[in-house]
């Protein structure tokens, strides 16, 4: 089973390849992605790594969490997905301003 890891506090110089290389010492890395700003293309300072097995993911978390990488102390943990359908359901600001509220109908 593939385990997705969250990698935080990355140096802005880290790219997908360097992230993949750093985690490949713990096992097969299915993917490594540094999240970038859509407009500027600059790193946002965090990313995700998908490891092939639970064991390799656990080892990577244990060894790489709070480890210095390219000049910054990165944080590594298991990624917790928000689940499908959690976006666009009128959460947060939309509810405050009346977005996505069902229309009230007068009682007959």
PDB file of N, CA and C in Angstrom:
ATOM      1  N   UNK A   1       0.843  -1.191   0.000  1.00  0.00           N
ATOM      2  CA  UNK A   1       0.000   0.000   0.000  1.00  0.00           C
ATOM      3  C   UNK A   1       0.884   1.248   0.000  1.00  0.00           C
ATOM      4  N   UNK A   2       0.535   2.204  -0.829  1.00  0.00           N
ATOM      5  CA  UNK A   2       1.289   3.443  -0.935  1.00  0.00           C
ATOM      6  C   UNK A   2       0.967   4.333   0.258  1.00  0.00           C
ATOM      7  N   UNK A   3       2.008   4.892   0.876  1.00  0.00           N
ATOM      8  CA  UNK A   3       1.853   5.808   1.999  1.00  0.00           C
ATOM      9  C   UNK A   3       2.272   7.199   1.552  1.00  0.00           C
ATOM     10  N   UNK A   4       1.420   8.166   1.750  1.00  0.00           N
ATOM     11  CA  UNK A   4       1.727   9.545   1.376  1.00  0.00           C
ATOM     12  C   UNK A   4       2.237  10.296   2.601  1.00  0.00           C
ATOM     13  N   UNK A   5       3.385  10.948   2.443  1.00  0.00           N
ATOM     14  CA  UNK A   5       3.994  11.709   3.529  1.00  0.00           C
ATOM     15  C   UNK A   5       3.927  13.198   3.225  1.00  0.00           C
ATOM     16  N   UNK A   6       3.694  13.987   4.252  1.00  0.00           N
ATOM     17  CA  UNK A   6       3.748  15.446   4.152  1.00  0.00           C
ATOM     18  C   UNK A   6       5.136  15.882   4.580  1.00  0.00           C
ATOM     19  N   UNK A   7       5.765  16.724   3.778  1.00  0.00           N
ATOM     20  CA  UNK A   7       7.101  17.238   4.090  1.00  0.00           C
ATOM     21  C   UNK A   7       6.977  18.757   4.209  1.00  0.00           C
ATOM     22  N   UNK A   8       7.226  19.290   5.405  1.00  0.00           N
ATOM     23  CA  UNK A   8       7.078  20.723   5.634  1.00  0.00           C
ATOM     24  C   UNK A   8       8.395  21.403   5.933  1.00  0.00           C
ATOM     25  N   UNK A   9       8.387  22.729   5.828  1.00  0.00           N
ATOM     26  CA  UNK A   9       9.536  23.587   6.104  1.00  0.00           C
ATOM     27  C   UNK A   9      10.712  23.284   5.182  1.00  0.00           C
ATOM     28  N   UNK A  10      10.406  23.069   3.897  1.00  0.00           N
ATOM     29  CA  UNK A  10      11.458  22.813   2.917  1.00  0.00           C
ATOM     30  C   UNK A  10      12.139  24.107   2.503  1.00  0.00           C
ATOM     31  N   UNK A  11      13.422  24.005   2.233  1.00  0.00           N
ATOM     32  CA  UNK A  11      14.148  25.143   1.661  1.00  0.00           C
ATOM     33  C   UNK A  11      13.579  25.406   0.274  1.00  0.00           C
ATOM     34  N   UNK A  12      13.575  26.658  -0.145  1.00  0.00           N
ATOM     35  CA  UNK A  12      13.016  27.007  -1.453  1.00  0.00           C
ATOM     36  C   UNK A  12      13.844  26.448  -2.602  1.00  0.00           C
ATOM     37  N   UNK A  13      15.053  26.003  -2.318  1.00  0.00           N
ATOM     38  CA  UNK A  13      15.914  25.427  -3.352  1.00  0.00           C
ATOM     39  C   UNK A  13      15.589  23.963  -3.641  1.00  0.00           C
ATOM     40  N   UNK A  14      14.800  23.319  -2.787  1.00  0.00           N
ATOM     41  CA  UNK A  14      14.454  21.899  -2.970  1.00  0.00           C
ATOM     42  C   UNK A  14      13.501  21.760  -4.154  1.00  0.00           C
ATOM     43  N   UNK A  15      13.799  20.785  -5.016  1.00  0.00           N
ATOM     44  CA  UNK A  15      12.908  20.502  -6.138  1.00  0.00           C
ATOM     45  C   UNK A  15      12.444  19.047  -6.056  1.00  0.00           C
ATOM     46  N   UNK A  16      11.620  18.626  -6.999  1.00  0.00           N
ATOM     47  CA  UNK A  16      11.063  17.272  -6.979  1.00  0.00           C
ATOM     48  C   UNK A  16      12.160  16.206  -6.953  1.00  0.00           C
ATOM     49  N   UNK A  17      13.183  16.386  -7.777  1.00  0.00           N
ATOM     50  CA  UNK A  17      14.253  15.389  -7.872  1.00  0.00           C
ATOM     51  C   UNK A  17      15.067  15.272  -6.590  1.00  0.00           C
ATOM     52  N   UNK A  18      15.434  16.411  -5.997  1.00  0.00           N
ATOM     53  CA  UNK A  18      16.239  16.354  -4.768  1.00  0.00           C
ATOM     54  C   UNK A  18      15.425  15.764  -3.614  1.00  0.00           C
ATOM     55  N   UNK A  19      14.120  16.030  -3.594  1.00  0.00           N
ATOM     56  CA  UNK A  19      13.252  15.455  -2.571  1.00  0.00           C
ATOM     57  C   UNK A  19      13.153  13.937  -2.753  1.00  0.00           C
ATOM     58  N   UNK A  20      12.985  13.503  -3.989  1.00  0.00           N
ATOM     59  CA  UNK A  20      12.911  12.064  -4.282  1.00  0.00           C
ATOM     60  C   UNK A  20      14.218  11.369  -3.899  1.00  0.00           C
ATOM     61  N   UNK A  21      15.350  11.974  -4.247  1.00  0.00           N
ATOM     62  CA  UNK A  21      16.651  11.387  -3.910  1.00  0.00           C
ATOM     63  C   UNK A  21      16.851  11.261  -2.409  1.00  0.00           C
ATOM     64  N   UNK A  22      16.413  12.256  -1.652  1.00  0.00           N
ATOM     65  CA  UNK A  22      16.582  12.232  -0.196  1.00  0.00           C
ATOM     66  C   UNK A  22      15.788  11.096   0.441  1.00  0.00           C
ATOM     67  N   UNK A  23      14.608  10.798  -0.083  1.00  0.00           N
ATOM     68  CA  UNK A  23      13.758   9.782   0.521  1.00  0.00           C
ATOM     69  C   UNK A  23      13.963   8.388  -0.068  1.00  0.00           C
ATOM     70  N   UNK A  24      14.644   8.291  -1.194  1.00  0.00           N
ATOM     71  CA  UNK A  24      14.840   6.987  -1.828  1.00  0.00           C
ATOM     72  C   UNK A  24      15.763   6.075  -1.024  1.00  0.00           C
ATOM     73  N   UNK A  25      16.531   6.625  -0.091  1.00  0.00           N
ATOM     74  CA  UNK A  25      17.392   5.785   0.748  1.00  0.00           C
ATOM     75  C   UNK A  25      16.592   4.897   1.707  1.00  0.00           C
ATOM     76  N   UNK A  26      15.283   5.172   1.857  1.00  0.00           N
ATOM     77  CA  UNK A  26      14.443   4.399   2.765  1.00  0.00           C
ATOM     78  C   UNK A  26      13.564   3.391   2.045  1.00  0.00           C
ATOM     79  N   UNK A  27      13.560   3.431   0.722  1.00  0.00           N
ATOM     80  CA  UNK A  27      12.741   2.506  -0.063  1.00  0.00           C
ATOM     81  C   UNK A  27      12.311   3.164  -1.357  1.00  0.00           C
ATOM     82  N   UNK A  28      11.521   2.432  -2.115  1.00  0.00           N
ATOM     83  CA  UNK A  28      11.055   2.942  -3.407  1.00  0.00           C
ATOM     84  C   UNK A  28      10.127   4.131  -3.215  1.00  0.00           C
ATOM     85  N   UNK A  29      10.411   5.204  -3.947  1.00  0.00           N
ATOM     86  CA  UNK A  29       9.593   6.419  -3.912  1.00  0.00           C
ATOM     87  C   UNK A  29       8.742   6.425  -5.173  1.00  0.00           C
ATOM     88  N   UNK A  30       7.423   6.374  -5.006  1.00  0.00           N
ATOM     89  CA  UNK A  30       6.521   6.393  -6.162  1.00  0.00           C
ATOM     90  C   UNK A  30       6.420   7.787  -6.772  1.00  0.00           C
ATOM     91  N   UNK A  31       6.414   8.805  -5.916  1.00  0.00           N
ATOM     92  CA  UNK A  31       6.388  10.187  -6.414  1.00  0.00           C
ATOM     93  C   UNK A  31       6.894  11.130  -5.334  1.00  0.00           C
ATOM     94  N   UNK A  32       7.417  12.248  -5.782  1.00  0.00           N
ATOM     95  CA  UNK A  32       7.875  13.307  -4.876  1.00  0.00           C
ATOM     96  C   UNK A  32       7.539  14.633  -5.547  1.00  0.00           C
ATOM     97  N   UNK A  33       6.752  15.441  -4.856  1.00  0.00           N
ATOM     98  CA  UNK A  33       6.288  16.696  -5.445  1.00  0.00           C
ATOM     99  C   UNK A  33       6.478  17.831  -4.453  1.00  0.00           C
ATOM    100  N   UNK A  34       7.158  18.883  -4.895  1.00  0.00           N
ATOM    101  CA  UNK A  34       7.261  20.119  -4.131  1.00  0.00           C
ATOM    102  C   UNK A  34       6.145  21.028  -4.645  1.00  0.00           C
ATOM    103  N   UNK A  35       5.286  21.495  -3.753  1.00  0.00           N
ATOM    104  CA  UNK A  35       4.158  22.332  -4.143  1.00  0.00           C
ATOM    105  C   UNK A  35       4.673  23.723  -4.490  1.00  0.00           C
ATOM    106  N   UNK A  36       4.199  24.234  -5.642  1.00  0.00           N
ATOM    107  CA  UNK A  36       4.653  25.532  -6.133  1.00  0.00           C
ATOM    108  C   UNK A  36       3.480  26.477  -6.306  1.00  0.00           C
ATOM    109  N   UNK A  37       3.789  27.763  -6.185  1.00  0.00           N
ATOM    110  CA  UNK A  37       2.804  28.803  -6.427  1.00  0.00           C
ATOM    111  C   UNK A  37       2.419  28.781  -7.905  1.00  0.00           C
ATOM    112  N   UNK A  38       1.136  28.857  -8.206  1.00  0.00           N
ATOM    113  CA  UNK A  38       0.674  28.767  -9.584  1.00  0.00           C
ATOM    114  C   UNK A  38       1.147  29.940 -10.448  1.00  0.00           C
ATOM    115  N   UNK A  39       1.251  31.098  -9.864  1.00  0.00           N
ATOM    116  CA  UNK A  39       1.607  32.286 -10.645  1.00  0.00           C
ATOM    117  C   UNK A  39       3.120  32.447 -10.777  1.00  0.00           C
ATOM    118  N   UNK A  40       3.824  32.424  -9.652  1.00  0.00           N
ATOM    119  CA  UNK A  40       5.266  32.688  -9.684  1.00  0.00           C
ATOM    120  C   UNK A  40       6.090  31.437  -9.985  1.00  0.00           C
ATOM    121  N   UNK A  41       5.538  30.251  -9.722  1.00  0.00           N
ATOM    122  CA  UNK A  41       6.278  29.012  -9.908  1.00  0.00           C
ATOM    123  C   UNK A  41       7.270  28.740  -8.787  1.00  0.00           C
ATOM    124  N   UNK A  42       7.287  29.584  -7.775  1.00  0.00           N
ATOM    125  CA  UNK A  42       8.200  29.436  -6.642  1.00  0.00           C
ATOM    126  C   UNK A  42       7.657  28.414  -5.651  1.00  0.00           C
ATOM    127  N   UNK A  43       8.551  27.675  -5.024  1.00  0.00           N
ATOM    128  CA  UNK A  43       8.168  26.680  -4.025  1.00  0.00           C
ATOM    129  C   UNK A  43       7.406  27.339  -2.890  1.00  0.00           C
ATOM    130  N   UNK A  44       6.419  26.629  -2.376  1.00  0.00           N
ATOM    131  CA  UNK A  44       5.676  27.109  -1.211  1.00  0.00           C
ATOM    132  C   UNK A  44       6.281  26.598   0.089  1.00  0.00           C
ATOM    133  N   UNK A  45       7.353  25.794  -0.008  1.00  0.00           N
ATOM    134  CA  UNK A  45       8.052  25.342   1.185  1.00  0.00           C
ATOM    135  C   UNK A  45       7.526  24.039   1.772  1.00  0.00           C
ATOM    136  N   UNK A  46       6.688  23.333   1.025  1.00  0.00           N
ATOM    137  CA  UNK A  46       6.235  22.020   1.478  1.00  0.00           C
ATOM    138  C   UNK A  46       5.982  21.127   0.270  1.00  0.00           C
ATOM    139  N   UNK A  47       5.861  19.843   0.553  1.00  0.00           N
ATOM    140  CA  UNK A  47       5.631  18.907  -0.534  1.00  0.00           C
ATOM    141  C   UNK A  47       5.110  17.583  -0.018  1.00  0.00           C
ATOM    142  N   UNK A  48       5.031  16.612  -0.925  1.00  0.00           N
ATOM    143  CA  UNK A  48       4.515  15.295  -0.600  1.00  0.00           C
ATOM    144  C   UNK A  48       5.384  14.232  -1.246  1.00  0.00           C
ATOM    145  N   UNK A  49       5.584  13.143  -0.529  1.00  0.00           N
ATOM    146  CA  UNK A  49       6.330  12.001  -1.031  1.00  0.00           C
ATOM    147  C   UNK A  49       5.449  10.773  -0.843  1.00  0.00           C
ATOM    148  N   UNK A  50       5.349   9.954  -1.890  1.00  0.00           N
ATOM    149  CA  UNK A  50       4.608   8.705  -1.795  1.00  0.00           C
ATOM    150  C   UNK A  50       5.599   7.558  -1.772  1.00  0.00           C
ATOM    151  N   UNK A  51       5.586   6.801  -0.680  1.00  0.00           N
ATOM    152  CA  UNK A  51       6.467   5.649  -0.511  1.00  0.00           C
ATOM    153  C   UNK A  51       5.686   4.377  -0.840  1.00  0.00           C
ATOM    154  N   UNK A  52       6.414   3.353  -1.331  1.00  0.00           N
ATOM    155  CA  UNK A  52       5.766   2.118  -1.779  1.00  0.00           C
ATOM    156  C   UNK A  52       5.209   1.258  -0.652  1.00  0.00           C
ATOM    157  N   UNK A  53       5.860   1.275   0.509  1.00  0.00           N
ATOM    158  CA  UNK A  53       5.410   0.403   1.602  1.00  0.00           C
ATOM    159  C   UNK A  53       5.259   1.193   2.899  1.00  0.00           C
ATOM    160  N   UNK A  54       4.482   0.615   3.787  1.00  0.00           N
ATOM    161  CA  UNK A  54       4.302   1.222   5.110  1.00  0.00           C
ATOM    162  C   UNK A  54       5.615   1.253   5.880  1.00  0.00           C
ATOM    163  N   UNK A  55       6.408   0.202   5.720  1.00  0.00           N
ATOM    164  CA  UNK A  55       7.682   0.109   6.434  1.00  0.00           C
ATOM    165  C   UNK A  55       8.655   1.200   5.993  1.00  0.00           C
ATOM    166  N   UNK A  56       8.751   1.419   4.681  1.00  0.00           N
ATOM    167  CA  UNK A  56       9.663   2.456   4.188  1.00  0.00           C
ATOM    168  C   UNK A  56       9.185   3.841   4.601  1.00  0.00           C
ATOM    169  N   UNK A  57       7.873   4.040   4.627  1.00  0.00           N
ATOM    170  CA  UNK A  57       7.317   5.327   5.059  1.00  0.00           C
ATOM    171  C   UNK A  57       7.611   5.573   6.534  1.00  0.00           C
ATOM    172  N   UNK A  58       7.423   4.540   7.355  1.00  0.00           N
ATOM    173  CA  UNK A  58       7.684   4.675   8.796  1.00  0.00           C
ATOM    174  C   UNK A  58       9.157   4.971   9.050  1.00  0.00           C
ATOM    175  N   UNK A  59      10.022   4.311   8.310  1.00  0.00           N
ATOM    176  CA  UNK A  59      11.463   4.541   8.450  1.00  0.00           C
ATOM    177  C   UNK A  59      11.833   5.965   8.036  1.00  0.00           C
ATOM    178  N   UNK A  60      11.245   6.432   6.941  1.00  0.00           N
ATOM    179  CA  UNK A  60      11.514   7.792   6.466  1.00  0.00           C
ATOM    180  C   UNK A  60      11.051   8.838   7.478  1.00  0.00           C
ATOM    181  N   UNK A  61       9.882   8.621   8.065  1.00  0.00           N
ATOM    182  CA  UNK A  61       9.370   9.554   9.073  1.00  0.00           C
ATOM    183  C   UNK A  61      10.311   9.589  10.273  1.00  0.00           C
ATOM    184  N   UNK A  62      10.702   8.418  10.739  1.00  0.00           N
ATOM    185  CA  UNK A  62      11.567   8.320  11.912  1.00  0.00           C
ATOM    186  C   UNK A  62      12.916   8.999  11.686  1.00  0.00           C
ATOM    187  N   UNK A  63      13.516   8.781  10.528  1.00  0.00           N
ATOM    188  CA  UNK A  63      14.873   9.285  10.265  1.00  0.00           C
ATOM    189  C   UNK A  63      14.911  10.721   9.737  1.00  0.00           C
ATOM    190  N   UNK A  64      13.877  11.144   9.002  1.00  0.00           N
ATOM    191  CA  UNK A  64      13.925  12.452   8.340  1.00  0.00           C
ATOM    192  C   UNK A  64      13.187  13.560   9.086  1.00  0.00           C
ATOM    193  N   UNK A  65      12.278  13.214   9.995  1.00  0.00           N
ATOM    194  CA  UNK A  65      11.560  14.250  10.736  1.00  0.00           C
ATOM    195  C   UNK A  65      12.538  15.033  11.607  1.00  0.00           C
ATOM    196  N   UNK A  66      12.462  16.334  11.542  1.00  0.00           N
ATOM    197  CA  UNK A  66      13.326  17.267  12.278  1.00  0.00           C
ATOM    198  C   UNK A  66      14.797  17.128  11.881  1.00  0.00           C
ATOM    199  N   UNK A  67      15.021  16.707  10.651  1.00  0.00           N
ATOM    200  CA  UNK A  67      16.371  16.557  10.109  1.00  0.00           C
ATOM    201  C   UNK A  67      16.684  17.782   9.238  1.00  0.00           C
ATOM    202  N   UNK A  68      17.927  18.210   9.249  1.00  0.00           N
ATOM    203  CA  UNK A  68      18.305  19.340   8.408  1.00  0.00           C
ATOM    204  C   UNK A  68      18.488  18.862   6.974  1.00  0.00           C
ATOM    205  N   UNK A  69      17.870  19.588   6.044  1.00  0.00           N
ATOM    206  CA  UNK A  69      17.944  19.268   4.624  1.00  0.00           C
ATOM    207  C   UNK A  69      18.054  20.561   3.841  1.00  0.00           C
ATOM    208  N   UNK A  70      19.166  20.722   3.172  1.00  0.00           N
ATOM    209  CA  UNK A  70      19.472  21.925   2.389  1.00  0.00           C
ATOM    210  C   UNK A  70      19.313  23.195   3.218  1.00  0.00           C
ATOM    211  N   UNK A  71      19.785  23.132   4.465  1.00  0.00           N
ATOM    212  CA  UNK A  71      19.844  24.325   5.304  1.00  0.00           C
ATOM    213  C   UNK A  71      18.632  24.605   6.167  1.00  0.00           C
ATOM    214  N   UNK A  72      17.602  23.761   6.107  1.00  0.00           N
ATOM    215  CA  UNK A  72      16.409  23.980   6.931  1.00  0.00           C
ATOM    216  C   UNK A  72      16.008  22.685   7.623  1.00  0.00           C
ATOM    217  N   UNK A  73      15.404  22.815   8.784  1.00  0.00           N
ATOM    218  CA  UNK A  73      14.910  21.654   9.510  1.00  0.00           C
ATOM    219  C   UNK A  73      13.528  21.313   8.986  1.00  0.00           C
ATOM    220  N   UNK A  74      13.442  20.185   8.293  1.00  0.00           N
ATOM    221  CA  UNK A  74      12.151  19.815   7.711  1.00  0.00           C
ATOM    222  C   UNK A  74      11.352  18.950   8.680  1.00  0.00           C
ATOM    223  N   UNK A  75      10.061  18.939   8.469  1.00  0.00           N
ATOM    224  CA  UNK A  75       9.145  18.159   9.278  1.00  0.00           C
ATOM    225  C   UNK A  75       8.471  17.131   8.381  1.00  0.00           C
ATOM    226  N   UNK A  76       8.467  15.891   8.818  1.00  0.00           N
ATOM    227  CA  UNK A  76       7.919  14.797   8.021  1.00  0.00           C
ATOM    228  C   UNK A  76       6.859  14.077   8.846  1.00  0.00           C
ATOM    229  N   UNK A  77       5.691  13.887   8.258  1.00  0.00           N
ATOM    230  CA  UNK A  77       4.620  13.158   8.932  1.00  0.00           C
ATOM    231  C   UNK A  77       3.749  12.478   7.886  1.00  0.00           C
ATOM    232  N   UNK A  78       2.912  11.591   8.357  1.00  0.00           N
ATOM    233  CA  UNK A  78       1.968  10.947   7.445  1.00  0.00           C
ATOM    234  C   UNK A  78       0.961  11.999   6.992  1.00  0.00           C
ATOM    235  N   UNK A  79       0.670  12.004   5.708  1.00  0.00           N
ATOM    236  CA  UNK A  79      -0.289  12.958   5.168  1.00  0.00           C
ATOM    237  C   UNK A  79      -1.695  12.494   5.489  1.00  0.00           C
ATOM    238  N   UNK A  80      -2.514  13.413   5.927  1.00  0.00           N
ATOM    239  CA  UNK A  80      -3.911  13.111   6.224  1.00  0.00           C
ATOM    240  C   UNK A  80      -4.759  13.790   5.175  1.00  0.00           C
ATOM    241  N   UNK A  81      -5.314  13.012   4.262  1.00  0.00           N
ATOM    242  CA  UNK A  81      -6.121  13.600   3.197  1.00  0.00           C
ATOM    243  C   UNK A  81      -7.396  14.177   3.794  1.00  0.00           C
ATOM    244  N   UNK A  82      -7.901  15.194   3.137  1.00  0.00           N
ATOM    245  CA  UNK A  82      -9.097  15.863   3.617  1.00  0.00           C
ATOM    246  C   UNK A  82     -10.352  15.093   3.247  1.00  0.00           C
ATOM    247  N   UNK A  83     -10.211  14.119   2.378  1.00  0.00           N
ATOM    248  CA  UNK A  83     -11.371  13.326   1.974  1.00  0.00           C
ATOM    249  C   UNK A  83     -12.073  13.949   0.792  1.00  0.00           C
ATOM    250  N   UNK A  84     -12.719  13.123   0.017  1.00  0.00           N
ATOM    251  CA  UNK A  84     -13.390  13.614  -1.167  1.00  0.00           C
ATOM    252  C   UNK A  84     -14.646  14.379  -0.780  1.00  0.00           C
ATOM    253  N   UNK A  85     -14.886  15.455  -1.475  1.00  0.00           N
ATOM    254  CA  UNK A  85     -16.083  16.239  -1.234  1.00  0.00           C
ATOM    255  C   UNK A  85     -15.932  17.280  -0.144  1.00  0.00           C
ATOM    256  N   UNK A  86     -14.767  17.441   0.415  1.00  0.00           N
ATOM    257  CA  UNK A  86     -14.615  18.411   1.493  1.00  0.00           C
ATOM    258  C   UNK A  86     -14.433  19.823   0.960  1.00  0.00           C
ATOM    259  N   UNK A  87     -14.093  19.936  -0.310  1.00  0.00           N
ATOM    260  CA  UNK A  87     -13.945  21.272  -0.897  1.00  0.00           C
ATOM    261  C   UNK A  87     -15.221  21.645  -1.630  1.00  0.00           C
ATOM    262  N   UNK A  88     -15.519  22.916  -1.633  1.00  0.00           N
ATOM    263  CA  UNK A  88     -16.647  23.398  -2.400  1.00  0.00           C
ATOM    264  C   UNK A  88     -18.003  23.102  -1.782  1.00  0.00           C
ATOM    265  N   UNK A  89     -18.045  22.724  -0.537  1.00  0.00           N
ATOM    266  CA  UNK A  89     -19.320  22.440   0.109  1.00  0.00           C
ATOM    267  C   UNK A  89     -19.848  23.632   0.886  1.00  0.00           C
ATOM    268  N   UNK A  90     -19.322  24.783   0.617  1.00  0.00           N
ATOM    269  CA  UNK A  90     -19.815  25.967   1.307  1.00  0.00           C
ATOM    270  C   UNK A  90     -19.228  26.144   2.680  1.00  0.00           C
ATOM    271  N   UNK A  91     -18.053  25.638   2.916  1.00  0.00           N
ATOM    272  CA  UNK A  91     -17.430  25.765   4.221  1.00  0.00           C
ATOM    273  C   UNK A  91     -16.832  27.140   4.434  1.00  0.00           C
ATOM    274  N   UNK A  92     -16.556  27.466   5.664  1.00  0.00           N
ATOM    275  CA  UNK A  92     -15.832  28.687   5.997  1.00  0.00           C
ATOM    276  C   UNK A  92     -16.518  29.951   5.563  1.00  0.00           C
ATOM    277  N   UNK A  93     -15.828  30.730   4.737  1.00  0.00           N
ATOM    278  CA  UNK A  93     -16.281  32.060   4.345  1.00  0.00           C
ATOM    279  C   UNK A  93     -17.621  32.024   3.623  1.00  0.00           C
ATOM    280  N   UNK A  94     -17.864  30.999   2.812  1.00  0.00           N
ATOM    281  CA  UNK A  94     -19.120  30.957   2.079  1.00  0.00           C
ATOM    282  C   UNK A  94     -20.326  30.922   3.008  1.00  0.00           C
ATOM    283  N   UNK A  95     -20.220  30.180   4.102  1.00  0.00           N
ATOM    284  CA  UNK A  95     -21.335  30.122   5.036  1.00  0.00           C
ATOM    285  C   UNK A  95     -21.540  31.458   5.721  1.00  0.00           C
ATOM    286  N   UNK A  96     -20.462  32.135   6.023  1.00  0.00           N
ATOM    287  CA  UNK A  96     -20.573  33.426   6.710  1.00  0.00           C
ATOM    288  C   UNK A  96     -21.315  34.444   5.868  1.00  0.00           C
ATOM    289  N   UNK A  97     -21.137  34.356   4.562  1.00  0.00           N
ATOM    290  CA  UNK A  97     -21.721  35.365   3.690  1.00  0.00           C
ATOM    291  C   UNK A  97     -22.922  34.835   2.925  1.00  0.00           C
ATOM    292  N   UNK A  98     -23.446  33.712   3.377  1.00  0.00           N
ATOM    293  CA  UNK A  98     -24.685  33.218   2.784  1.00  0.00           C
ATOM    294  C   UNK A  98     -24.496  32.306   1.597  1.00  0.00           C
ATOM    295  N   UNK A  99     -23.274  31.949   1.261  1.00  0.00           N
ATOM    296  CA  UNK A  99     -23.050  31.075   0.116  1.00  0.00           C
ATOM    297  C   UNK A  99     -23.482  29.659   0.403  1.00  0.00           C
ATOM    298  N   UNK A 100     -24.036  29.011  -0.599  1.00  0.00           N
ATOM    299  CA  UNK A 100     -24.420  27.603  -0.543  1.00  0.00           C
ATOM    300  C   UNK A 100     -25.466  27.285   0.533  1.00  0.00           C
ATOM    301  N   UNK A 101     -26.245  28.257   0.934  1.00  0.00           N
ATOM    302  CA  UNK A 101     -27.301  27.991   1.912  1.00  0.00           C
ATOM    303  C   UNK A 101     -28.568  27.607   1.153  1.00  0.00           C
ATOM    304  N   UNK A 102     -29.300  26.649   1.659  1.00  0.00           N
ATOM    305  CA  UNK A 102     -30.563  26.315   0.999  1.00  0.00           C
ATOM    306  C   UNK A 102     -31.532  27.485   1.162  1.00  0.00           C
ATOM    307  N   UNK A 103     -32.322  27.687   0.136  1.00  0.00           N
ATOM    308  CA  UNK A 103     -33.295  28.771   0.168  1.00  0.00           C
ATOM    309  C   UNK A 103     -34.428  28.420   1.134  1.00  0.00           C
ATOM    310  N   UNK A 104     -34.807  29.362   1.970  1.00  0.00           N
ATOM    311  CA  UNK A 104     -35.904  29.113   2.913  1.00  0.00           C
ATOM    312  C   UNK A 104     -37.233  29.312   2.191  1.00  0.00           C
ATOM    313  N   UNK A 105     -38.109  28.371   2.435  1.00  0.00           N
ATOM    314  CA  UNK A 105     -39.420  28.461   1.815  1.00  0.00           C
ATOM    315  C   UNK A 105     -40.442  28.746   2.915  1.00  0.00           C
ATOM    316  N   UNK A 106     -41.367  29.586   2.621  1.00  0.00           N
ATOM    317  CA  UNK A 106     -42.399  29.883   3.629  1.00  0.00           C
ATOM    318  C   UNK A 106     -43.233  28.630   3.918  1.00  0.00           C
ATOM    319  N   UNK A 107     -43.608  28.488   5.177  1.00  0.00           N
ATOM    320  CA  UNK A 107     -44.454  27.351   5.552  1.00  0.00           C
ATOM    321  C   UNK A 107     -45.877  27.572   5.048  1.00  0.00           C
ATOM    322  N   UNK A 108     -46.470  26.498   4.593  1.00  0.00           N
ATOM    323  CA  UNK A 108     -47.834  26.664   4.094  1.00  0.00           C
ATOM    324  C   UNK A 108     -48.867  26.297   5.102  1.00  0.00           C
TER     325      UNK A 108
END
